[in-house]
């Protein structure tokens, strides 16, 4: 594993956790503890960053020669950050909704 791939995953995890925390704070009725928000944010961040990178043509590699739509290392990091935050937020919202419906039963 090269360093650019490792940096991409780290950025996706961190921004996914940030996105998950933001959604968890905004949706108080989910009553999620920190651990589910962190885990779902991190997993969603990696998934979201990977999906967005695939849609943009490999921009998550940070390699301009790879032909990514964002181009360059900065564009790759930006793509990873946006995809990570979005994916973390989405998955945390889904997990929160599931946990809320389970608590009603």
N, C-alpha and C. Protein backbone atom coordinates (compact mmCIF):
# COMPACT_ATOMS: atom_id res chain seq x y z
N UNK A 1 0.86 -1.18 0.00
CA UNK A 1 0.00 0.00 0.00
C UNK A 1 0.90 1.23 0.00
N UNK A 2 0.67 2.11 -0.95
CA UNK A 2 1.49 3.31 -1.03
C UNK A 2 0.95 4.39 -0.09
N UNK A 3 1.75 5.42 0.11
CA UNK A 3 1.38 6.43 1.09
C UNK A 3 0.17 7.26 0.66
N UNK A 4 -0.03 7.47 -0.64
CA UNK A 4 -1.19 8.26 -1.06
C UNK A 4 -2.49 7.53 -0.78
N UNK A 5 -2.50 6.21 -0.90
CA UNK A 5 -3.70 5.45 -0.59
C UNK A 5 -3.97 5.47 0.91
N UNK A 6 -2.92 5.39 1.71
CA UNK A 6 -3.08 5.43 3.16
C UNK A 6 -3.57 6.80 3.62
N UNK A 7 -3.04 7.86 3.04
CA UNK A 7 -3.49 9.21 3.38
C UNK A 7 -4.96 9.39 2.99
N UNK A 8 -5.34 8.86 1.83
CA UNK A 8 -6.74 8.95 1.39
C UNK A 8 -7.68 8.28 2.38
N UNK A 9 -7.31 7.10 2.87
CA UNK A 9 -8.15 6.38 3.83
C UNK A 9 -8.22 7.13 5.15
N UNK A 10 -7.11 7.67 5.60
CA UNK A 10 -7.10 8.43 6.86
C UNK A 10 -7.99 9.66 6.75
N UNK A 11 -7.90 10.38 5.64
CA UNK A 11 -8.75 11.56 5.44
C UNK A 11 -10.22 11.15 5.42
N UNK A 12 -10.54 10.05 4.75
CA UNK A 12 -11.92 9.59 4.68
C UNK A 12 -12.45 9.22 6.06
N UNK A 13 -11.63 8.55 6.87
CA UNK A 13 -12.06 8.16 8.22
C UNK A 13 -12.29 9.38 9.09
N UNK A 14 -11.34 10.32 9.08
CA UNK A 14 -11.46 11.50 9.94
C UNK A 14 -12.66 12.35 9.54
N UNK A 15 -12.81 12.61 8.24
CA UNK A 15 -13.95 13.44 7.82
C UNK A 15 -15.27 12.69 7.97
N UNK A 16 -15.24 11.37 7.87
CA UNK A 16 -16.45 10.58 8.12
C UNK A 16 -16.89 10.68 9.57
N UNK A 17 -15.93 10.64 10.48
CA UNK A 17 -16.26 10.79 11.90
C UNK A 17 -16.82 12.19 12.16
N UNK A 18 -16.22 13.20 11.53
CA UNK A 18 -16.72 14.57 11.69
C UNK A 18 -18.15 14.69 11.16
N UNK A 19 -18.41 14.13 9.99
CA UNK A 19 -19.76 14.15 9.42
C UNK A 19 -20.75 13.40 10.29
N UNK A 20 -20.33 12.27 10.84
CA UNK A 20 -21.20 11.50 11.73
C UNK A 20 -21.51 12.23 13.02
N UNK A 21 -20.52 12.91 13.56
CA UNK A 21 -20.74 13.68 14.78
C UNK A 21 -21.68 14.85 14.52
N UNK A 22 -21.54 15.48 13.37
CA UNK A 22 -22.42 16.61 13.03
C UNK A 22 -23.87 16.16 12.92
N UNK A 23 -24.10 15.04 12.25
CA UNK A 23 -25.46 14.53 12.13
C UNK A 23 -25.98 14.08 13.48
N UNK A 24 -25.13 13.44 14.27
CA UNK A 24 -25.55 13.00 15.60
C UNK A 24 -25.93 14.16 16.50
N UNK A 25 -25.24 15.28 16.37
CA UNK A 25 -25.57 16.46 17.16
C UNK A 25 -26.84 17.13 16.64
N UNK A 26 -27.05 17.09 15.34
CA UNK A 26 -28.23 17.72 14.75
C UNK A 26 -29.50 16.92 15.03
N UNK A 27 -29.37 15.61 15.07
CA UNK A 27 -30.53 14.75 15.28
C UNK A 27 -30.45 14.20 16.71
N UNK A 28 -30.93 14.96 17.65
CA UNK A 28 -30.86 14.57 19.06
C UNK A 28 -31.79 13.41 19.40
N UNK A 29 -32.89 13.26 18.68
CA UNK A 29 -33.87 12.25 19.04
C UNK A 29 -33.36 10.83 18.80
N UNK A 30 -32.27 10.68 18.07
CA UNK A 30 -31.74 9.34 17.82
C UNK A 30 -31.17 8.73 19.09
N UNK A 31 -30.71 9.57 20.03
CA UNK A 31 -30.16 9.13 21.31
C UNK A 31 -29.05 8.11 21.12
N UNK A 32 -28.12 8.41 20.22
CA UNK A 32 -26.99 7.52 19.97
C UNK A 32 -25.84 7.89 20.91
N UNK A 33 -25.14 6.87 21.37
CA UNK A 33 -23.94 7.14 22.15
C UNK A 33 -22.78 7.44 21.19
N UNK A 34 -21.63 7.75 21.74
CA UNK A 34 -20.50 8.15 20.90
C UNK A 34 -19.96 7.00 20.04
N UNK A 35 -19.93 5.79 20.57
CA UNK A 35 -19.33 4.68 19.83
C UNK A 35 -20.05 4.39 18.51
N UNK A 36 -21.38 4.29 18.48
CA UNK A 36 -22.03 4.08 17.18
C UNK A 36 -21.82 5.24 16.21
N UNK A 37 -21.77 6.48 16.72
CA UNK A 37 -21.54 7.63 15.84
C UNK A 37 -20.14 7.57 15.24
N UNK A 38 -19.15 7.19 16.05
CA UNK A 38 -17.77 7.12 15.56
C UNK A 38 -17.62 5.99 14.54
N UNK A 39 -18.13 4.83 14.87
CA UNK A 39 -17.97 3.67 13.98
C UNK A 39 -18.72 3.89 12.67
N UNK A 40 -19.98 4.32 12.76
CA UNK A 40 -20.75 4.52 11.53
C UNK A 40 -20.18 5.68 10.71
N UNK A 41 -19.66 6.70 11.37
CA UNK A 41 -19.03 7.80 10.64
C UNK A 41 -17.77 7.36 9.91
N UNK A 42 -16.94 6.55 10.58
CA UNK A 42 -15.70 6.09 9.95
C UNK A 42 -15.98 5.16 8.77
N UNK A 43 -16.89 4.21 8.98
CA UNK A 43 -17.22 3.26 7.89
C UNK A 43 -17.88 4.00 6.73
N UNK A 44 -18.82 4.88 7.07
CA UNK A 44 -19.48 5.66 6.03
C UNK A 44 -18.53 6.59 5.30
N UNK A 45 -17.55 7.11 6.03
CA UNK A 45 -16.55 7.99 5.41
C UNK A 45 -15.72 7.28 4.37
N UNK A 46 -15.26 6.09 4.70
CA UNK A 46 -14.46 5.32 3.73
C UNK A 46 -15.33 4.93 2.54
N UNK A 47 -16.55 4.50 2.82
CA UNK A 47 -17.44 4.12 1.71
C UNK A 47 -17.78 5.32 0.84
N UNK A 48 -18.14 6.43 1.47
CA UNK A 48 -18.50 7.62 0.70
C UNK A 48 -17.35 8.17 -0.11
N UNK A 49 -16.15 8.19 0.48
CA UNK A 49 -14.98 8.67 -0.25
C UNK A 49 -14.63 7.78 -1.42
N UNK A 50 -14.77 6.49 -1.23
CA UNK A 50 -14.48 5.54 -2.31
C UNK A 50 -15.50 5.66 -3.44
N UNK A 51 -16.77 5.77 -3.07
CA UNK A 51 -17.82 5.89 -4.09
C UNK A 51 -17.67 7.18 -4.87
N UNK A 52 -17.45 8.30 -4.17
CA UNK A 52 -17.29 9.57 -4.87
C UNK A 52 -16.06 9.55 -5.77
N UNK A 53 -14.98 8.95 -5.29
CA UNK A 53 -13.79 8.84 -6.12
C UNK A 53 -14.02 8.01 -7.37
N UNK A 54 -14.80 6.95 -7.23
CA UNK A 54 -15.12 6.12 -8.39
C UNK A 54 -15.97 6.88 -9.40
N UNK A 55 -16.91 7.65 -8.89
CA UNK A 55 -17.78 8.43 -9.77
C UNK A 55 -17.02 9.51 -10.52
N UNK A 56 -15.99 10.06 -9.88
CA UNK A 56 -15.20 11.12 -10.50
C UNK A 56 -14.02 10.58 -11.30
N UNK A 57 -13.91 9.29 -11.41
CA UNK A 57 -12.88 8.71 -12.26
C UNK A 57 -11.54 8.51 -11.60
N UNK A 58 -11.54 8.07 -10.35
CA UNK A 58 -10.28 7.74 -9.69
C UNK A 58 -9.58 8.91 -9.05
N UNK A 59 -10.28 9.96 -8.70
CA UNK A 59 -9.66 11.14 -8.12
C UNK A 59 -9.16 10.91 -6.71
N UNK A 60 -9.55 9.80 -6.06
CA UNK A 60 -9.12 9.58 -4.69
C UNK A 60 -7.66 9.16 -4.61
N UNK A 61 -7.05 8.79 -5.71
CA UNK A 61 -5.66 8.36 -5.66
C UNK A 61 -4.72 9.53 -5.45
N UNK A 62 -5.14 10.73 -5.82
CA UNK A 62 -4.27 11.89 -5.68
C UNK A 62 -3.19 11.93 -6.74
N UNK A 63 -3.26 11.08 -7.73
CA UNK A 63 -2.26 11.00 -8.77
C UNK A 63 -2.78 11.67 -10.03
N UNK A 64 -2.18 12.79 -10.45
CA UNK A 64 -2.69 13.46 -11.64
C UNK A 64 -2.60 12.58 -12.89
N UNK A 65 -1.67 11.64 -12.90
CA UNK A 65 -1.53 10.76 -14.06
C UNK A 65 -2.67 9.75 -14.14
N UNK A 66 -3.41 9.57 -13.02
CA UNK A 66 -4.51 8.62 -13.02
C UNK A 66 -5.73 9.16 -13.75
N UNK A 67 -5.71 10.42 -14.08
CA UNK A 67 -6.81 11.00 -14.85
C UNK A 67 -8.02 11.33 -14.02
N UNK A 68 -7.82 11.62 -12.74
CA UNK A 68 -8.95 11.96 -11.89
C UNK A 68 -9.59 13.27 -12.32
N UNK A 69 -10.89 13.37 -12.14
CA UNK A 69 -11.61 14.56 -12.56
C UNK A 69 -11.17 15.79 -11.78
N UNK A 70 -10.89 15.63 -10.49
CA UNK A 70 -10.46 16.78 -9.69
C UNK A 70 -9.00 17.11 -9.98
N UNK A 71 -8.20 16.12 -10.29
CA UNK A 71 -6.82 16.32 -10.68
C UNK A 71 -5.91 16.72 -9.54
N UNK A 72 -4.75 16.11 -9.46
CA UNK A 72 -3.75 16.49 -8.48
C UNK A 72 -4.03 15.98 -7.09
N UNK A 73 -3.02 16.14 -6.22
CA UNK A 73 -3.14 15.67 -4.85
C UNK A 73 -4.16 16.47 -4.07
N UNK A 74 -4.20 17.79 -4.29
CA UNK A 74 -5.15 18.62 -3.56
C UNK A 74 -6.59 18.27 -3.96
N UNK A 75 -6.83 18.05 -5.23
CA UNK A 75 -8.15 17.66 -5.68
C UNK A 75 -8.56 16.31 -5.13
N UNK A 76 -7.61 15.40 -5.05
CA UNK A 76 -7.88 14.08 -4.48
C UNK A 76 -8.23 14.16 -3.01
N UNK A 77 -7.50 14.99 -2.27
CA UNK A 77 -7.80 15.16 -0.85
C UNK A 77 -9.15 15.82 -0.64
N UNK A 78 -9.48 16.78 -1.48
CA UNK A 78 -10.77 17.44 -1.38
C UNK A 78 -11.91 16.46 -1.68
N UNK A 79 -11.71 15.63 -2.69
CA UNK A 79 -12.70 14.61 -3.02
C UNK A 79 -12.87 13.64 -1.87
N UNK A 80 -11.76 13.22 -1.26
CA UNK A 80 -11.82 12.31 -0.12
C UNK A 80 -12.53 12.95 1.06
N UNK A 81 -12.26 14.23 1.30
CA UNK A 81 -12.88 14.92 2.43
C UNK A 81 -14.38 15.08 2.22
N UNK A 82 -14.79 15.50 1.04
CA UNK A 82 -16.21 15.69 0.77
C UNK A 82 -16.94 14.35 0.80
N UNK A 83 -16.38 13.35 0.15
CA UNK A 83 -17.01 12.02 0.15
C UNK A 83 -17.04 11.40 1.53
N UNK A 84 -15.97 11.61 2.30
CA UNK A 84 -15.92 11.07 3.65
C UNK A 84 -16.94 11.70 4.56
N UNK A 85 -17.03 13.02 4.53
CA UNK A 85 -18.00 13.71 5.39
C UNK A 85 -19.43 13.35 5.00
N UNK A 86 -19.70 13.32 3.72
CA UNK A 86 -21.05 12.97 3.26
C UNK A 86 -21.41 11.54 3.59
N UNK A 87 -20.50 10.63 3.33
CA UNK A 87 -20.77 9.22 3.62
C UNK A 87 -20.93 8.96 5.10
N UNK A 88 -20.09 9.61 5.92
CA UNK A 88 -20.22 9.45 7.37
C UNK A 88 -21.52 9.99 7.89
N UNK A 89 -21.93 11.13 7.35
CA UNK A 89 -23.20 11.73 7.78
C UNK A 89 -24.39 10.86 7.38
N UNK A 90 -24.37 10.37 6.16
CA UNK A 90 -25.49 9.55 5.67
C UNK A 90 -25.61 8.26 6.45
N UNK A 91 -24.49 7.55 6.64
CA UNK A 91 -24.56 6.27 7.34
C UNK A 91 -24.92 6.47 8.81
N UNK A 92 -24.43 7.53 9.43
CA UNK A 92 -24.79 7.80 10.83
C UNK A 92 -26.28 8.11 10.95
N UNK A 93 -26.83 8.84 9.99
CA UNK A 93 -28.27 9.12 10.01
C UNK A 93 -29.08 7.84 9.86
N UNK A 94 -28.63 6.94 9.01
CA UNK A 94 -29.33 5.67 8.82
C UNK A 94 -29.26 4.83 10.10
N UNK A 95 -28.07 4.75 10.69
CA UNK A 95 -27.91 3.97 11.92
C UNK A 95 -28.75 4.58 13.03
N UNK A 96 -28.78 5.92 13.12
CA UNK A 96 -29.59 6.58 14.13
C UNK A 96 -31.07 6.28 13.97
N UNK A 97 -31.54 6.28 12.72
CA UNK A 97 -32.95 5.98 12.47
C UNK A 97 -33.29 4.54 12.84
N UNK A 98 -32.37 3.63 12.53
CA UNK A 98 -32.59 2.22 12.87
C UNK A 98 -32.60 2.04 14.38
N UNK A 99 -31.65 2.68 15.07
CA UNK A 99 -31.60 2.56 16.53
C UNK A 99 -32.83 3.17 17.18
N UNK A 100 -33.32 4.27 16.62
CA UNK A 100 -34.51 4.91 17.16
C UNK A 100 -35.73 4.02 16.99
N UNK A 101 -35.86 3.38 15.83
CA UNK A 101 -37.01 2.49 15.60
C UNK A 101 -36.91 1.24 16.46
N UNK A 102 -35.70 0.78 16.76
CA UNK A 102 -35.53 -0.39 17.62
C UNK A 102 -35.90 -0.06 19.07
N UNK A 103 -35.64 1.17 19.49
CA UNK A 103 -35.96 1.56 20.85
C UNK A 103 -37.47 1.70 21.08
N UNK A 104 -38.24 1.97 20.02
CA UNK A 104 -39.69 2.08 20.13
C UNK A 104 -40.36 0.73 20.32
N UNK A 105 -39.71 -0.31 19.82
CA UNK A 105 -40.33 -1.64 19.86
C UNK A 105 -40.31 -2.25 21.23
